[in-house]
């Protein structure tokens, strides 16, 4: 791991342009929002803000085919509002209802198998439940066990759920950390990459990013093999120095 850590260091002998250094320093939404304000004076921020607030309440017909990605749609709208300084304009009841909706998508271990976490995390939305959750199964903290064989957490949706909660000012205290992090171990492949769900799917750099961000949000990288993940990432570096989605791909 020590050897691989040098791959990402910037060489002092060939420093990047100052403009690139400035972008590296833009680490927060607040800083990016400031750049938007200073460089795009013609941006109609009020109309953009109304547009994204509308999408917090409803999914337009054009986007209804994306219902299986509803959690990500919520994140896109919230992160855009954050860039536009529009989150603070949401009233407390609106924020609270969004927070409760996100927590309701948390898939928890069942009472029969409390240590089994492979299906845990956050589901894309209520559409995957197929049937209503019994009131007795709903956790006071939010969330419920899986209701059917196709009702399970999704790595990308878990990332966007946690990010959305943080944007809304939540402290993540109601996240079942053990089950969310435990799912990462079940989703990691032998080569260090990750699949998005227990049923499989595409396996590439996107889900490595999701697993790492989830671990960062929850402050714990001990649930998956980080050495293998580093090897996978380094193995994705192409001949031109760029990184591909998977080893041997185009940078």
C-alpha atoms as a PDB file:
ATOM      1  CA  UNK A   1       0.000   0.000   0.000  1.00  0.00           C
ATOM      2  CA  UNK A   2       2.899   2.332   0.754  1.00  0.00           C
ATOM      3  CA  UNK A   3       4.218   1.778  -2.749  1.00  0.00           C
ATOM      4  CA  UNK A   4       0.881   2.533  -4.379  1.00  0.00           C
ATOM      5  CA  UNK A   5       0.381   5.713  -2.376  1.00  0.00           C
ATOM      6  CA  UNK A   6       3.030   7.487  -4.454  1.00  0.00           C
ATOM      7  CA  UNK A   7       1.056   6.993  -7.665  1.00  0.00           C
ATOM      8  CA  UNK A   8      -1.334   9.832  -6.797  1.00  0.00           C
ATOM      9  CA  UNK A   9       1.214  12.367  -5.573  1.00  0.00           C
ATOM     10  CA  UNK A  10       1.735  15.543  -7.608  1.00  0.00           C
ATOM     11  CA  UNK A  11       5.325  15.966  -8.701  1.00  0.00           C
ATOM     12  CA  UNK A  12       7.011  19.154  -7.510  1.00  0.00           C
ATOM     13  CA  UNK A  13       9.301  18.934 -10.542  1.00  0.00           C
ATOM     14  CA  UNK A  14       6.383  19.246 -12.927  1.00  0.00           C
ATOM     15  CA  UNK A  15       3.715  21.192 -11.019  1.00  0.00           C
ATOM     16  CA  UNK A  16       0.188  21.450 -12.463  1.00  0.00           C
ATOM     17  CA  UNK A  17      -1.098  24.794 -13.732  1.00  0.00           C
ATOM     18  CA  UNK A  18      -2.334  27.210 -11.112  1.00  0.00           C
ATOM     19  CA  UNK A  19      -5.875  26.913 -12.448  1.00  0.00           C
ATOM     20  CA  UNK A  20      -5.761  23.181 -11.778  1.00  0.00           C
ATOM     21  CA  UNK A  21      -4.413  23.770  -8.289  1.00  0.00           C
ATOM     22  CA  UNK A  22      -7.283  26.177  -7.648  1.00  0.00           C
ATOM     23  CA  UNK A  23      -9.795  23.516  -8.648  1.00  0.00           C
ATOM     24  CA  UNK A  24      -8.154  20.994  -6.342  1.00  0.00           C
ATOM     25  CA  UNK A  25      -8.714  23.428  -3.486  1.00  0.00           C
ATOM     26  CA  UNK A  26     -12.459  23.714  -4.237  1.00  0.00           C
ATOM     27  CA  UNK A  27     -13.438  20.998  -1.801  1.00  0.00           C
ATOM     28  CA  UNK A  28     -16.859  22.142  -0.638  1.00  0.00           C
ATOM     29  CA  UNK A  29     -20.192  22.959  -2.207  1.00  0.00           C
ATOM     30  CA  UNK A  30     -19.981  26.399  -0.639  1.00  0.00           C
ATOM     31  CA  UNK A  31     -16.752  27.146  -2.505  1.00  0.00           C
ATOM     32  CA  UNK A  32     -18.170  25.844  -5.778  1.00  0.00           C
ATOM     33  CA  UNK A  33     -21.307  27.922  -5.235  1.00  0.00           C
ATOM     34  CA  UNK A  34     -19.137  31.008  -4.784  1.00  0.00           C
ATOM     35  CA  UNK A  35     -17.439  30.247  -8.096  1.00  0.00           C
ATOM     36  CA  UNK A  36     -20.837  29.881  -9.767  1.00  0.00           C
ATOM     37  CA  UNK A  37     -21.891  33.251  -8.455  1.00  0.00           C
ATOM     38  CA  UNK A  38     -18.728  35.035  -9.582  1.00  0.00           C
ATOM     39  CA  UNK A  39     -18.396  33.490 -13.048  1.00  0.00           C
ATOM     40  CA  UNK A  40     -22.000  33.092 -14.143  1.00  0.00           C
ATOM     41  CA  UNK A  41     -23.709  36.369 -13.458  1.00  0.00           C
ATOM     42  CA  UNK A  42     -26.323  35.526 -16.088  1.00  0.00           C
ATOM     43  CA  UNK A  43     -27.391  32.314 -14.318  1.00  0.00           C
ATOM     44  CA  UNK A  44     -31.059  32.606 -13.372  1.00  0.00           C
ATOM     45  CA  UNK A  45     -30.589  31.246  -9.863  1.00  0.00           C
ATOM     46  CA  UNK A  46     -34.195  31.879  -8.821  1.00  0.00           C
ATOM     47  CA  UNK A  47     -35.641  29.862 -11.709  1.00  0.00           C
ATOM     48  CA  UNK A  48     -33.088  27.087 -11.216  1.00  0.00           C
ATOM     49  CA  UNK A  49     -33.907  26.947  -7.522  1.00  0.00           C
ATOM     50  CA  UNK A  50     -37.646  26.660  -8.242  1.00  0.00           C
ATOM     51  CA  UNK A  51     -36.942  23.906 -10.773  1.00  0.00           C
ATOM     52  CA  UNK A  52     -35.048  21.721  -8.299  1.00  0.00           C
ATOM     53  CA  UNK A  53     -37.473  22.422  -5.442  1.00  0.00           C
ATOM     54  CA  UNK A  54     -40.280  21.210  -7.699  1.00  0.00           C
ATOM     55  CA  UNK A  55     -38.446  17.928  -8.155  1.00  0.00           C
ATOM     56  CA  UNK A  56     -38.286  17.403  -4.407  1.00  0.00           C
ATOM     57  CA  UNK A  57     -42.080  17.082  -4.417  1.00  0.00           C
ATOM     58  CA  UNK A  58     -42.840  15.151  -7.596  1.00  0.00           C
ATOM     59  CA  UNK A  59     -41.285  13.168 -10.414  1.00  0.00           C
ATOM     60  CA  UNK A  60     -42.247  14.668 -13.756  1.00  0.00           C
ATOM     61  CA  UNK A  61     -43.644  12.347 -16.406  1.00  0.00           C
ATOM     62  CA  UNK A  62     -40.439  12.552 -18.439  1.00  0.00           C
ATOM     63  CA  UNK A  63     -38.491  11.084 -15.520  1.00  0.00           C
ATOM     64  CA  UNK A  64     -40.912   8.410 -14.328  1.00  0.00           C
ATOM     65  CA  UNK A  65     -38.919   5.665 -16.037  1.00  0.00           C
ATOM     66  CA  UNK A  66     -36.157   6.578 -13.574  1.00  0.00           C
ATOM     67  CA  UNK A  67     -38.285   5.636 -10.564  1.00  0.00           C
ATOM     68  CA  UNK A  68     -35.880   2.748  -9.765  1.00  0.00           C
ATOM     69  CA  UNK A  69     -33.272   5.484  -9.182  1.00  0.00           C
ATOM     70  CA  UNK A  70     -35.481   7.783  -7.130  1.00  0.00           C
ATOM     71  CA  UNK A  71     -32.935   8.140  -4.323  1.00  0.00           C
ATOM     72  CA  UNK A  72     -30.354   9.394  -6.789  1.00  0.00           C
ATOM     73  CA  UNK A  73     -32.853  11.844  -8.305  1.00  0.00           C
ATOM     74  CA  UNK A  74     -33.410  13.243  -4.825  1.00  0.00           C
ATOM     75  CA  UNK A  75     -29.667  13.630  -4.356  1.00  0.00           C
ATOM     76  CA  UNK A  76     -29.261  15.411  -7.698  1.00  0.00           C
ATOM     77  CA  UNK A  77     -31.981  17.915  -6.768  1.00  0.00           C
ATOM     78  CA  UNK A  78     -30.622  18.493  -3.252  1.00  0.00           C
ATOM     79  CA  UNK A  79     -27.004  18.860  -4.327  1.00  0.00           C
ATOM     80  CA  UNK A  80     -28.031  21.337  -7.031  1.00  0.00           C
ATOM     81  CA  UNK A  81     -29.964  23.345  -4.438  1.00  0.00           C
ATOM     82  CA  UNK A  82     -26.932  23.218  -2.171  1.00  0.00           C
ATOM     83  CA  UNK A  83     -24.786  24.716  -4.934  1.00  0.00           C
ATOM     84  CA  UNK A  84     -27.402  27.411  -5.431  1.00  0.00           C
ATOM     85  CA  UNK A  85     -27.628  28.144  -1.681  1.00  0.00           C
ATOM     86  CA  UNK A  86     -31.218  26.947  -1.854  1.00  0.00           C
ATOM     87  CA  UNK A  87     -31.309  24.292   0.871  1.00  0.00           C
ATOM     88  CA  UNK A  88     -31.597  26.843   3.679  1.00  0.00           C
ATOM     89  CA  UNK A  89     -34.703  28.166   1.943  1.00  0.00           C
ATOM     90  CA  UNK A  90     -36.541  24.898   2.591  1.00  0.00           C
ATOM     91  CA  UNK A  91     -38.751  25.092   5.653  1.00  0.00           C
ATOM     92  CA  UNK A  92     -38.082  22.743   8.561  1.00  0.00           C
ATOM     93  CA  UNK A  93     -41.142  20.575   7.907  1.00  0.00           C
ATOM     94  CA  UNK A  94     -40.071  20.046   4.304  1.00  0.00           C
ATOM     95  CA  UNK A  95     -36.575  19.045   5.371  1.00  0.00           C
ATOM     96  CA  UNK A  96     -37.968  16.731   8.030  1.00  0.00           C
ATOM     97  CA  UNK A  97     -40.294  14.986   5.577  1.00  0.00           C
ATOM     98  CA  UNK A  98     -37.405  14.408   3.172  1.00  0.00           C
ATOM     99  CA  UNK A  99     -35.215  13.047   5.974  1.00  0.00           C
ATOM    100  CA  UNK A 100     -38.002  10.689   7.075  1.00  0.00           C
ATOM    101  CA  UNK A 101     -38.496   9.497   3.493  1.00  0.00           C
ATOM    102  CA  UNK A 102     -34.805   8.676   3.140  1.00  0.00           C
ATOM    103  CA  UNK A 103     -34.688   6.787   6.439  1.00  0.00           C
ATOM    104  CA  UNK A 104     -37.811   4.835   5.435  1.00  0.00           C
ATOM    105  CA  UNK A 105     -35.738   3.326   2.582  1.00  0.00           C
ATOM    106  CA  UNK A 106     -33.165   1.861   4.963  1.00  0.00           C
ATOM    107  CA  UNK A 107     -33.081  -1.940   4.671  1.00  0.00           C
ATOM    108  CA  UNK A 108     -32.351  -3.471   8.072  1.00  0.00           C
ATOM    109  CA  UNK A 109     -31.409  -7.010   9.152  1.00  0.00           C
ATOM    110  CA  UNK A 110     -34.340  -9.273   9.918  1.00  0.00           C
ATOM    111  CA  UNK A 111     -35.173 -10.361  13.449  1.00  0.00           C
ATOM    112  CA  UNK A 112     -34.576 -13.973  12.366  1.00  0.00           C
ATOM    113  CA  UNK A 113     -31.036 -13.267  11.111  1.00  0.00           C
ATOM    114  CA  UNK A 114     -29.785 -10.096  12.834  1.00  0.00           C
ATOM    115  CA  UNK A 115     -26.159 -10.719  11.774  1.00  0.00           C
ATOM    116  CA  UNK A 116     -26.969 -11.102   8.062  1.00  0.00           C
ATOM    117  CA  UNK A 117     -26.186  -7.781   6.376  1.00  0.00           C
ATOM    118  CA  UNK A 118     -25.599  -8.648   2.717  1.00  0.00           C
ATOM    119  CA  UNK A 119     -28.976  -7.190   1.671  1.00  0.00           C
ATOM    120  CA  UNK A 120     -28.731  -4.080   3.883  1.00  0.00           C
ATOM    121  CA  UNK A 121     -28.156  -0.446   2.991  1.00  0.00           C
ATOM    122  CA  UNK A 122     -30.678   1.865   1.346  1.00  0.00           C
ATOM    123  CA  UNK A 123     -33.155   0.847  -1.343  1.00  0.00           C
ATOM    124  CA  UNK A 124     -33.843   3.120  -4.351  1.00  0.00           C
ATOM    125  CA  UNK A 125     -37.358   3.871  -3.159  1.00  0.00           C
ATOM    126  CA  UNK A 126     -40.607   2.253  -2.010  1.00  0.00           C
ATOM    127  CA  UNK A 127     -41.236   0.656  -5.418  1.00  0.00           C
ATOM    128  CA  UNK A 128     -38.973  -2.300  -4.557  1.00  0.00           C
ATOM    129  CA  UNK A 129     -40.969  -3.316  -1.486  1.00  0.00           C
ATOM    130  CA  UNK A 130     -43.780  -5.008  -3.481  1.00  0.00           C
ATOM    131  CA  UNK A 131     -45.892  -5.053  -0.319  1.00  0.00           C
ATOM    132  CA  UNK A 132     -46.435  -2.790   2.657  1.00  0.00           C
ATOM    133  CA  UNK A 133     -44.135  -3.175   5.628  1.00  0.00           C
ATOM    134  CA  UNK A 134     -45.858  -4.322   8.801  1.00  0.00           C
ATOM    135  CA  UNK A 135     -45.958  -1.577  11.403  1.00  0.00           C
ATOM    136  CA  UNK A 136     -44.308  -3.893  13.923  1.00  0.00           C
ATOM    137  CA  UNK A 137     -41.303  -4.301  11.604  1.00  0.00           C
ATOM    138  CA  UNK A 138     -40.599  -0.584  11.213  1.00  0.00           C
ATOM    139  CA  UNK A 139     -37.661   0.562  13.315  1.00  0.00           C
ATOM    140  CA  UNK A 140     -38.191   3.650  15.517  1.00  0.00           C
ATOM    141  CA  UNK A 141     -35.011   5.000  13.910  1.00  0.00           C
ATOM    142  CA  UNK A 142     -36.432   4.488  10.427  1.00  0.00           C
ATOM    143  CA  UNK A 143     -36.220   1.616   8.010  1.00  0.00           C
ATOM    144  CA  UNK A 144     -37.398  -1.977   7.969  1.00  0.00           C
ATOM    145  CA  UNK A 145     -36.248  -5.460   7.003  1.00  0.00           C
ATOM    146  CA  UNK A 146     -36.480  -6.666   3.415  1.00  0.00           C
ATOM    147  CA  UNK A 147     -40.016  -7.535   2.311  1.00  0.00           C
ATOM    148  CA  UNK A 148     -39.150  -9.814  -0.634  1.00  0.00           C
ATOM    149  CA  UNK A 149     -36.272 -11.367  -2.579  1.00  0.00           C
ATOM    150  CA  UNK A 150     -35.837  -8.233  -4.687  1.00  0.00           C
ATOM    151  CA  UNK A 151     -35.961  -5.748  -1.820  1.00  0.00           C
ATOM    152  CA  UNK A 152     -32.345  -5.018  -0.907  1.00  0.00           C
ATOM    153  CA  UNK A 153     -29.884  -2.185  -0.548  1.00  0.00           C
ATOM    154  CA  UNK A 154     -28.026  -0.701  -3.480  1.00  0.00           C
ATOM    155  CA  UNK A 155     -24.492   0.664  -3.138  1.00  0.00           C
ATOM    156  CA  UNK A 156     -25.124   3.777  -5.234  1.00  0.00           C
ATOM    157  CA  UNK A 157     -28.438   4.465  -3.492  1.00  0.00           C
ATOM    158  CA  UNK A 158     -26.796   4.066  -0.086  1.00  0.00           C
ATOM    159  CA  UNK A 159     -24.170   6.646  -1.052  1.00  0.00           C
ATOM    160  CA  UNK A 160     -26.752   9.122  -2.348  1.00  0.00           C
ATOM    161  CA  UNK A 161     -29.009   8.514   0.677  1.00  0.00           C
ATOM    162  CA  UNK A 162     -26.226   9.371   3.129  1.00  0.00           C
ATOM    163  CA  UNK A 163     -25.160  12.374   1.051  1.00  0.00           C
ATOM    164  CA  UNK A 164     -28.758  13.639   0.926  1.00  0.00           C
ATOM    165  CA  UNK A 165     -29.136  13.296   4.693  1.00  0.00           C
ATOM    166  CA  UNK A 166     -25.954  15.299   5.245  1.00  0.00           C
ATOM    167  CA  UNK A 167     -27.062  18.039   2.846  1.00  0.00           C
ATOM    168  CA  UNK A 168     -30.321  18.270   4.802  1.00  0.00           C
ATOM    169  CA  UNK A 169     -28.379  18.725   8.047  1.00  0.00           C
ATOM    170  CA  UNK A 170     -28.940  15.254   9.490  1.00  0.00           C
ATOM    171  CA  UNK A 171     -26.225  13.793  11.751  1.00  0.00           C
ATOM    172  CA  UNK A 172     -26.638  10.171  10.499  1.00  0.00           C
ATOM    173  CA  UNK A 173     -27.307   9.013  14.071  1.00  0.00           C
ATOM    174  CA  UNK A 174     -30.225   6.880  12.880  1.00  0.00           C
ATOM    175  CA  UNK A 175     -28.179   5.003  10.288  1.00  0.00           C
ATOM    176  CA  UNK A 176     -27.659   1.349  11.202  1.00  0.00           C
ATOM    177  CA  UNK A 177     -23.917   1.613  10.703  1.00  0.00           C
ATOM    178  CA  UNK A 178     -23.091  -2.025  11.367  1.00  0.00           C
ATOM    179  CA  UNK A 179     -25.493  -3.314   8.724  1.00  0.00           C
ATOM    180  CA  UNK A 180     -24.626  -0.641   6.131  1.00  0.00           C
ATOM    181  CA  UNK A 181     -20.893  -1.212   6.523  1.00  0.00           C
ATOM    182  CA  UNK A 182     -21.368  -4.963   6.803  1.00  0.00           C
ATOM    183  CA  UNK A 183     -23.016  -4.962   3.389  1.00  0.00           C
ATOM    184  CA  UNK A 184     -19.807  -3.568   1.880  1.00  0.00           C
ATOM    185  CA  UNK A 185     -17.947  -6.758   2.756  1.00  0.00           C
ATOM    186  CA  UNK A 186     -20.615  -8.812   0.960  1.00  0.00           C
ATOM    187  CA  UNK A 187     -20.485  -6.590  -2.116  1.00  0.00           C
ATOM    188  CA  UNK A 188     -16.691  -6.564  -2.531  1.00  0.00           C
ATOM    189  CA  UNK A 189     -15.301  -8.777  -5.288  1.00  0.00           C
ATOM    190  CA  UNK A 190     -12.105 -10.817  -5.102  1.00  0.00           C
ATOM    191  CA  UNK A 191     -10.235  -8.236  -7.200  1.00  0.00           C
ATOM    192  CA  UNK A 192     -11.125  -5.420  -4.758  1.00  0.00           C
ATOM    193  CA  UNK A 193     -13.902  -3.877  -6.845  1.00  0.00           C
ATOM    194  CA  UNK A 194     -17.560  -3.799  -5.813  1.00  0.00           C
ATOM    195  CA  UNK A 195     -20.882  -4.867  -7.257  1.00  0.00           C
ATOM    196  CA  UNK A 196     -23.881  -2.601  -6.631  1.00  0.00           C
ATOM    197  CA  UNK A 197     -26.247  -5.210  -5.139  1.00  0.00           C
ATOM    198  CA  UNK A 198     -26.242  -8.790  -3.881  1.00  0.00           C
ATOM    199  CA  UNK A 199     -27.795  -9.833  -7.208  1.00  0.00           C
ATOM    200  CA  UNK A 200     -24.813  -8.460  -9.142  1.00  0.00           C
ATOM    201  CA  UNK A 201     -24.659  -5.788 -11.800  1.00  0.00           C
ATOM    202  CA  UNK A 202     -21.903  -3.690 -13.331  1.00  0.00           C
ATOM    203  CA  UNK A 203     -18.627  -3.836 -11.420  1.00  0.00           C
ATOM    204  CA  UNK A 204     -16.326  -0.883 -11.960  1.00  0.00           C
ATOM    205  CA  UNK A 205     -14.770   2.252 -10.481  1.00  0.00           C
ATOM    206  CA  UNK A 206     -18.127   3.908  -9.807  1.00  0.00           C
ATOM    207  CA  UNK A 207     -18.976   1.455  -7.070  1.00  0.00           C
ATOM    208  CA  UNK A 208     -15.477   1.578  -5.603  1.00  0.00           C
ATOM    209  CA  UNK A 209     -16.095   5.303  -5.197  1.00  0.00           C
ATOM    210  CA  UNK A 210     -19.484   4.666  -3.574  1.00  0.00           C
ATOM    211  CA  UNK A 211     -18.027   2.156  -1.094  1.00  0.00           C
ATOM    212  CA  UNK A 212     -15.212   4.527  -0.135  1.00  0.00           C
ATOM    213  CA  UNK A 213     -17.512   7.517   0.306  1.00  0.00           C
ATOM    214  CA  UNK A 214     -19.936   5.482   2.432  1.00  0.00           C
ATOM    215  CA  UNK A 215     -17.026   4.423   4.648  1.00  0.00           C
ATOM    216  CA  UNK A 216     -15.818   8.029   4.838  1.00  0.00           C
ATOM    217  CA  UNK A 217     -19.271   9.323   5.784  1.00  0.00           C
ATOM    218  CA  UNK A 218     -19.553   6.716   8.534  1.00  0.00           C
ATOM    219  CA  UNK A 219     -15.921   7.052   9.639  1.00  0.00           C
ATOM    220  CA  UNK A 220     -14.965   3.390   9.296  1.00  0.00           C
ATOM    221  CA  UNK A 221     -12.907   1.655   6.595  1.00  0.00           C
ATOM    222  CA  UNK A 222     -12.494  -1.615   8.489  1.00  0.00           C
ATOM    223  CA  UNK A 223     -15.355  -3.546   6.886  1.00  0.00           C
ATOM    224  CA  UNK A 224     -13.750  -4.257   3.507  1.00  0.00           C
ATOM    225  CA  UNK A 225     -10.292  -5.097   2.196  1.00  0.00           C
ATOM    226  CA  UNK A 226      -8.797  -1.681   1.436  1.00  0.00           C
ATOM    227  CA  UNK A 227      -5.512  -3.199   0.204  1.00  0.00           C
ATOM    228  CA  UNK A 228      -7.337  -5.072  -2.554  1.00  0.00           C
ATOM    229  CA  UNK A 229      -9.305  -1.972  -3.439  1.00  0.00           C
ATOM    230  CA  UNK A 230      -6.117   0.086  -3.769  1.00  0.00           C
ATOM    231  CA  UNK A 231      -4.687  -2.620  -6.045  1.00  0.00           C
ATOM    232  CA  UNK A 232      -7.823  -2.489  -8.187  1.00  0.00           C
ATOM    233  CA  UNK A 233      -7.665   1.303  -8.512  1.00  0.00           C
ATOM    234  CA  UNK A 234      -3.956   1.295  -9.394  1.00  0.00           C
ATOM    235  CA  UNK A 235      -4.629  -1.495 -11.904  1.00  0.00           C
ATOM    236  CA  UNK A 236      -7.123   0.777 -13.673  1.00  0.00           C
ATOM    237  CA  UNK A 237      -4.437   3.308 -14.601  1.00  0.00           C
ATOM    238  CA  UNK A 238      -4.022   3.304 -18.387  1.00  0.00           C
ATOM    239  CA  UNK A 239      -0.890   3.889 -20.474  1.00  0.00           C
ATOM    240  CA  UNK A 240      -1.616   7.630 -20.720  1.00  0.00           C
ATOM    241  CA  UNK A 241      -1.800   8.053 -16.951  1.00  0.00           C
ATOM    242  CA  UNK A 242      -5.585   8.427 -16.815  1.00  0.00           C
ATOM    243  CA  UNK A 243      -7.825   5.929 -15.046  1.00  0.00           C
ATOM    244  CA  UNK A 244     -10.379   3.668 -16.649  1.00  0.00           C
ATOM    245  CA  UNK A 245     -13.545   2.171 -15.224  1.00  0.00           C
ATOM    246  CA  UNK A 246     -11.873  -1.238 -14.944  1.00  0.00           C
ATOM    247  CA  UNK A 247      -8.398  -2.780 -15.552  1.00  0.00           C
ATOM    248  CA  UNK A 248      -7.449  -2.777 -19.219  1.00  0.00           C
ATOM    249  CA  UNK A 249     -10.037  -0.173 -20.145  1.00  0.00           C
ATOM    250  CA  UNK A 250      -9.530   3.149 -21.885  1.00  0.00           C
ATOM    251  CA  UNK A 251      -8.247   5.951 -19.678  1.00  0.00           C
END
